[in-house]
């Protein structure tokens, strides 16, 4: 009888040890998701140096996962296939509501973790306010997959009783830079962009050709969020590693491909302004 008890004890210890080891191993490797749409390769190349550096600094190996869009990103986090994800503002709101994910850090570009959506037209255009857009050819980025290139401007138009589908001739360009070029070259009458792209050297030439006639309030930038259930210790390690990137030349160099200046602490309350814009959309209903 005593021998059987000893065997059971040994088996219990072995089983507990196996579970512990498996759990520990799971926390030594995490999957980091980024939505890429049609530019998966360039996104992969730009994000990989950051992923590699954060892995070194945290002591936890990160594996970069490129998803087709934000919807796939949320779906895979819900399934537990992704541990950390880079969400644009609207999709962070959706992911937090649906998955109760935890915001860790907010990206900084051109010295700020905030940005605005801006309505632009040619410099000599007679369009000077949103009401002037009725019956005009208007450029957005991608349907239902962009914060400042779709959801925010549509909400702003709804506020003044403009139905973008009925009252405007909409085209989708795929990228904010394409909206900027389309307006500058006169392919469309107006469009909307995330205004910080005007800070990029390759876009400086367009400043003399366009004017900004309306803009959103300041919005928090994209956040890196952790799935529900990830340990506090792991989240703290990840947060510290990302925050450290702008403290030395190696970290700053790792972010150069994405033009990031660094990261700051994120907080769910920062996105209340986005929720206010999104009240009328099914996305967060």
Protein backbone atom coordinates (compact mmCIF):
# COMPACT_ATOMS: atom_id res chain seq x y z
CA UNK A 1 0.00 0.00 0.00
CA UNK A 2 2.79 2.38 0.95
CA UNK A 3 4.53 1.62 -2.34
CA UNK A 4 1.40 2.53 -4.31
CA UNK A 5 1.11 5.82 -2.43
CA UNK A 6 4.74 6.61 -3.19
CA UNK A 7 4.15 5.86 -6.87
CA UNK A 8 1.12 8.17 -6.94
CA UNK A 9 3.12 10.91 -5.26
CA UNK A 10 5.92 10.54 -7.79
CA UNK A 11 3.46 10.60 -10.69
CA UNK A 12 1.79 13.69 -9.26
CA UNK A 13 5.14 15.44 -8.91
CA UNK A 14 6.10 14.51 -12.47
CA UNK A 15 2.77 15.73 -13.81
CA UNK A 16 3.02 19.00 -11.90
CA UNK A 17 6.59 19.48 -13.11
CA UNK A 18 5.55 18.88 -16.72
CA UNK A 19 2.75 21.42 -16.47
CA UNK A 20 5.08 23.94 -14.83
CA UNK A 21 7.75 23.47 -17.48
CA UNK A 22 5.22 23.80 -20.30
CA UNK A 23 3.83 26.97 -18.72
CA UNK A 24 7.27 28.44 -18.24
CA UNK A 25 8.20 27.62 -21.82
CA UNK A 26 5.04 29.30 -23.09
CA UNK A 27 6.05 32.50 -21.33
CA UNK A 28 9.53 32.45 -22.90
CA UNK A 29 8.11 32.88 -26.40
CA UNK A 30 5.32 35.20 -27.52
CA UNK A 31 3.70 35.98 -30.85
CA UNK A 32 3.48 39.65 -31.88
CA UNK A 33 0.86 40.52 -34.49
CA UNK A 34 0.89 43.40 -36.97
CA UNK A 35 -1.77 44.07 -39.65
CA UNK A 36 -0.17 44.67 -43.02
CA UNK A 37 -2.91 44.69 -45.68
CA UNK A 38 -1.09 44.70 -49.03
CA UNK A 39 2.39 45.60 -47.76
CA UNK A 40 3.25 42.52 -45.72
CA UNK A 41 6.88 42.25 -46.84
CA UNK A 42 7.79 45.86 -46.12
CA UNK A 43 6.02 45.70 -42.76
CA UNK A 44 7.93 42.54 -41.91
CA UNK A 45 11.25 44.14 -42.80
CA UNK A 46 10.46 47.32 -40.82
CA UNK A 47 9.13 45.62 -37.69
CA UNK A 48 11.71 42.85 -37.40
CA UNK A 49 14.56 45.01 -35.96
CA UNK A 50 12.19 46.24 -33.22
CA UNK A 51 11.03 42.70 -32.47
CA UNK A 52 14.63 41.45 -32.31
CA UNK A 53 15.72 44.25 -29.97
CA UNK A 54 12.71 43.90 -27.64
CA UNK A 55 13.37 40.15 -27.48
CA UNK A 56 16.94 40.81 -26.33
CA UNK A 57 15.95 43.43 -23.77
CA UNK A 58 13.05 41.50 -22.28
CA UNK A 59 14.63 38.06 -22.36
CA UNK A 60 11.46 36.76 -24.02
CA UNK A 61 11.58 35.71 -27.65
CA UNK A 62 9.03 37.46 -29.86
CA UNK A 63 7.85 35.98 -33.13
CA UNK A 64 6.46 38.45 -35.66
CA UNK A 65 3.11 37.47 -37.19
CA UNK A 66 1.79 39.46 -40.16
CA UNK A 67 -2.00 39.39 -40.58
CA UNK A 68 -3.98 40.45 -43.61
CA UNK A 69 -5.86 43.16 -41.70
CA UNK A 70 -7.06 44.26 -38.26
CA UNK A 71 -10.03 41.90 -38.35
CA UNK A 72 -7.75 38.88 -38.70
CA UNK A 73 -5.51 40.31 -35.98
CA UNK A 74 -8.42 40.51 -33.51
CA UNK A 75 -9.68 37.08 -34.51
CA UNK A 76 -6.30 35.45 -33.95
CA UNK A 77 -5.81 37.13 -30.59
CA UNK A 78 -9.27 35.93 -29.58
CA UNK A 79 -8.19 32.39 -30.47
CA UNK A 80 -5.02 32.75 -28.40
CA UNK A 81 -2.78 32.59 -31.48
CA UNK A 82 -1.37 36.09 -30.86
CA UNK A 83 -0.16 37.42 -27.50
CA UNK A 84 0.68 41.02 -28.36
CA UNK A 85 -0.76 43.14 -31.17
CA UNK A 86 -0.25 46.54 -32.75
CA UNK A 87 -3.70 48.10 -33.08
CA UNK A 88 -4.71 51.35 -34.74
CA UNK A 89 -7.01 53.51 -32.55
CA UNK A 90 -10.39 52.31 -33.82
CA UNK A 91 -9.35 48.68 -33.77
CA UNK A 92 -7.82 48.97 -30.32
CA UNK A 93 -11.26 50.14 -29.16
CA UNK A 94 -12.89 47.15 -30.84
CA UNK A 95 -10.29 44.70 -29.52
CA UNK A 96 -10.58 46.02 -25.98
CA UNK A 97 -14.35 45.76 -26.05
CA UNK A 98 -14.35 42.30 -27.59
CA UNK A 99 -11.27 40.74 -25.96
CA UNK A 100 -10.57 42.90 -22.90
CA UNK A 101 -6.97 43.23 -24.08
CA UNK A 102 -4.56 45.38 -22.06
CA UNK A 103 -2.87 48.45 -23.61
CA UNK A 104 0.86 48.55 -22.87
CA UNK A 105 2.59 51.24 -24.91
CA UNK A 106 1.70 53.94 -27.41
CA UNK A 107 3.97 54.68 -30.36
CA UNK A 108 5.55 58.12 -30.75
CA UNK A 109 6.22 59.73 -34.14
CA UNK A 110 7.55 63.21 -34.86
CA UNK A 111 7.76 63.92 -31.16
CA UNK A 112 4.19 63.07 -30.16
CA UNK A 113 1.96 60.05 -29.43
CA UNK A 114 -1.03 61.93 -30.90
CA UNK A 115 -2.13 62.84 -34.40
CA UNK A 116 -5.05 64.27 -36.38
CA UNK A 117 -6.99 63.31 -39.48
CA UNK A 118 -7.08 66.16 -41.99
CA UNK A 119 -9.28 66.99 -44.97
CA UNK A 120 -7.19 68.28 -47.85
CA UNK A 121 -7.80 69.81 -51.27
CA UNK A 122 -5.74 71.66 -53.86
CA UNK A 123 -4.39 75.05 -52.82
CA UNK A 124 -6.58 77.00 -55.27
CA UNK A 125 -9.71 74.89 -54.74
CA UNK A 126 -13.03 76.53 -53.88
CA UNK A 127 -13.57 73.85 -51.23
CA UNK A 128 -13.11 75.56 -47.86
CA UNK A 129 -15.39 73.62 -45.51
CA UNK A 130 -16.91 70.17 -45.19
CA UNK A 131 -20.24 71.32 -46.63
CA UNK A 132 -18.46 72.14 -49.90
CA UNK A 133 -17.74 68.44 -50.46
CA UNK A 134 -21.24 67.54 -51.61
CA UNK A 135 -21.16 66.02 -55.13
CA UNK A 136 -17.35 66.12 -55.15
CA UNK A 137 -14.94 63.30 -55.93
CA UNK A 138 -13.50 62.36 -52.54
CA UNK A 139 -10.65 59.99 -51.62
CA UNK A 140 -10.51 57.70 -48.59
CA UNK A 141 -7.94 54.99 -47.90
CA UNK A 142 -9.63 51.63 -47.34
CA UNK A 143 -13.19 50.77 -46.42
CA UNK A 144 -13.68 49.71 -42.79
CA UNK A 145 -9.95 49.32 -42.11
CA UNK A 146 -8.59 52.77 -41.30
CA UNK A 147 -9.10 55.09 -38.34
CA UNK A 148 -8.19 58.44 -39.92
CA UNK A 149 -8.74 57.33 -43.52
CA UNK A 150 -12.29 56.05 -43.09
CA UNK A 151 -14.07 55.99 -39.72
CA UNK A 152 -13.18 59.40 -38.30
CA UNK A 153 -13.88 61.45 -41.47
CA UNK A 154 -17.14 59.61 -42.11
CA UNK A 155 -18.29 60.38 -38.58
CA UNK A 156 -17.36 64.05 -39.03
CA UNK A 157 -19.41 64.15 -42.23
CA UNK A 158 -22.35 62.47 -40.53
CA UNK A 159 -22.30 65.17 -37.88
CA UNK A 160 -23.23 67.73 -40.53
CA UNK A 161 -25.73 65.39 -42.21
CA UNK A 162 -23.57 64.40 -45.17
CA UNK A 163 -23.98 60.79 -46.23
CA UNK A 164 -20.65 59.86 -47.79
CA UNK A 165 -22.23 57.14 -49.94
CA UNK A 166 -25.10 59.25 -51.25
CA UNK A 167 -23.64 62.75 -51.31
CA UNK A 168 -20.03 62.12 -52.41
CA UNK A 169 -18.28 60.28 -55.22
CA UNK A 170 -15.95 58.06 -53.18
CA UNK A 171 -12.79 56.35 -54.35
CA UNK A 172 -10.48 54.21 -52.19
CA UNK A 173 -6.75 54.61 -52.74
CA UNK A 174 -5.39 52.01 -50.31
CA UNK A 175 -2.84 54.31 -48.65
CA UNK A 176 -2.74 57.79 -47.15
CA UNK A 177 0.13 58.73 -49.45
CA UNK A 178 -2.04 57.81 -52.43
CA UNK A 179 -4.78 60.12 -51.16
CA UNK A 180 -2.21 62.92 -50.90
CA UNK A 181 -0.98 62.34 -54.44
CA UNK A 182 -4.50 62.02 -55.85
CA UNK A 183 -5.46 65.40 -54.41
CA UNK A 184 -2.22 67.06 -55.45
CA UNK A 185 -2.45 65.80 -59.03
CA UNK A 186 -6.14 66.70 -59.30
CA UNK A 187 -7.42 63.15 -59.72
CA UNK A 188 -9.92 63.88 -56.92
CA UNK A 189 -11.39 67.09 -55.54
CA UNK A 190 -10.48 66.35 -51.93
CA UNK A 191 -9.46 63.60 -49.55
CA UNK A 192 -8.53 62.83 -45.98
CA UNK A 193 -5.13 61.80 -44.58
CA UNK A 194 -3.37 61.30 -41.26
CA UNK A 195 -1.65 64.67 -41.11
CA UNK A 196 1.68 63.45 -39.80
CA UNK A 197 2.55 62.03 -43.23
CA UNK A 198 3.16 65.64 -44.27
CA UNK A 199 6.16 65.57 -41.91
CA UNK A 200 7.84 62.86 -43.96
CA UNK A 201 10.59 64.21 -46.26
CA UNK A 202 9.22 62.50 -49.37
CA UNK A 203 5.89 64.31 -48.90
CA UNK A 204 7.23 67.80 -48.20
CA UNK A 205 6.91 68.72 -51.88
CA UNK A 206 3.13 68.50 -51.66
CA UNK A 207 2.80 71.18 -48.97
CA UNK A 208 2.81 73.99 -51.51
CA UNK A 209 0.12 72.27 -53.59
CA UNK A 210 -2.55 71.49 -50.98
CA UNK A 211 -4.47 73.11 -48.17
CA UNK A 212 -6.02 71.61 -45.05
CA UNK A 213 -9.59 72.85 -44.68
CA UNK A 214 -10.81 70.70 -41.75
CA UNK A 215 -9.34 68.29 -39.23
CA UNK A 216 -10.28 65.99 -36.38
CA UNK A 217 -9.45 66.45 -32.73
CA UNK A 218 -6.15 64.98 -31.59
CA UNK A 219 -6.30 61.19 -31.45
CA UNK A 220 -4.05 58.78 -29.54
CA UNK A 221 -1.78 56.85 -31.88
CA UNK A 222 -1.63 53.09 -32.31
CA UNK A 223 -1.04 50.99 -29.19
CA UNK A 224 0.59 47.66 -28.51
CA UNK A 225 -1.87 45.62 -26.45
CA UNK A 226 -1.56 42.27 -24.66
CA UNK A 227 -4.14 39.52 -24.71
CA UNK A 228 -6.22 38.91 -21.62
CA UNK A 229 -4.58 36.34 -19.35
CA UNK A 230 -0.98 37.21 -20.08
CA UNK A 231 0.81 37.47 -16.75
CA UNK A 232 1.49 40.87 -15.18
CA UNK A 233 5.18 40.00 -14.98
CA UNK A 234 5.37 39.32 -18.71
CA UNK A 235 3.45 42.49 -19.56
CA UNK A 236 5.78 44.51 -17.34
CA UNK A 237 8.82 43.01 -19.07
CA UNK A 238 7.41 43.82 -22.49
CA UNK A 239 6.47 47.36 -21.47
CA UNK A 240 9.91 48.08 -20.04
CA UNK A 241 11.63 46.72 -23.14
CA UNK A 242 9.59 48.85 -25.55
CA UNK A 243 9.99 51.97 -23.39
CA UNK A 244 13.76 51.49 -23.34
CA UNK A 245 14.17 51.64 -27.13
CA UNK A 246 14.53 55.42 -27.28
CA UNK A 247 17.16 55.53 -24.51
CA UNK A 248 20.14 54.46 -26.64
CA UNK A 249 21.38 54.49 -30.22
CA UNK A 250 20.83 50.76 -30.79
CA UNK A 251 17.19 51.02 -29.76
CA UNK A 252 16.62 54.15 -31.83
CA UNK A 253 18.19 52.52 -34.87
CA UNK A 254 15.84 49.55 -34.55
CA UNK A 255 12.87 51.93 -34.97
CA UNK A 256 14.27 53.91 -37.91
CA UNK A 257 12.49 51.82 -40.55
CA UNK A 258 9.10 52.82 -39.15
CA UNK A 259 10.07 56.43 -38.29
CA UNK A 260 9.16 55.79 -34.65
CA UNK A 261 10.70 58.06 -32.02
CA UNK A 262 9.88 55.60 -29.27
CA UNK A 263 7.01 54.47 -27.08
CA UNK A 264 5.19 55.88 -24.03
CA UNK A 265 2.84 54.22 -21.58
CA UNK A 266 -0.63 53.63 -22.97
CA UNK A 267 -3.95 53.74 -21.15
CA UNK A 268 -7.45 52.70 -22.15
CA UNK A 269 -8.92 56.07 -21.14
CA UNK A 270 -6.87 57.79 -23.84
CA UNK A 271 -9.16 56.16 -26.40
CA UNK A 272 -12.40 57.61 -25.03
CA UNK A 273 -12.20 60.32 -27.67
CA UNK A 274 -12.11 57.60 -30.34
CA UNK A 275 -15.14 55.97 -28.74
CA UNK A 276 -16.95 59.29 -28.97
CA UNK A 277 -16.28 59.45 -32.71
CA UNK A 278 -17.38 55.84 -33.12
CA UNK A 279 -20.75 55.99 -31.39
CA UNK A 280 -22.70 55.68 -34.64
CA UNK A 281 -20.78 52.71 -36.05
CA UNK A 282 -21.61 49.05 -35.70
CA UNK A 283 -17.91 48.46 -35.07
CA UNK A 284 -18.24 49.10 -31.34
CA UNK A 285 -21.99 48.58 -30.81
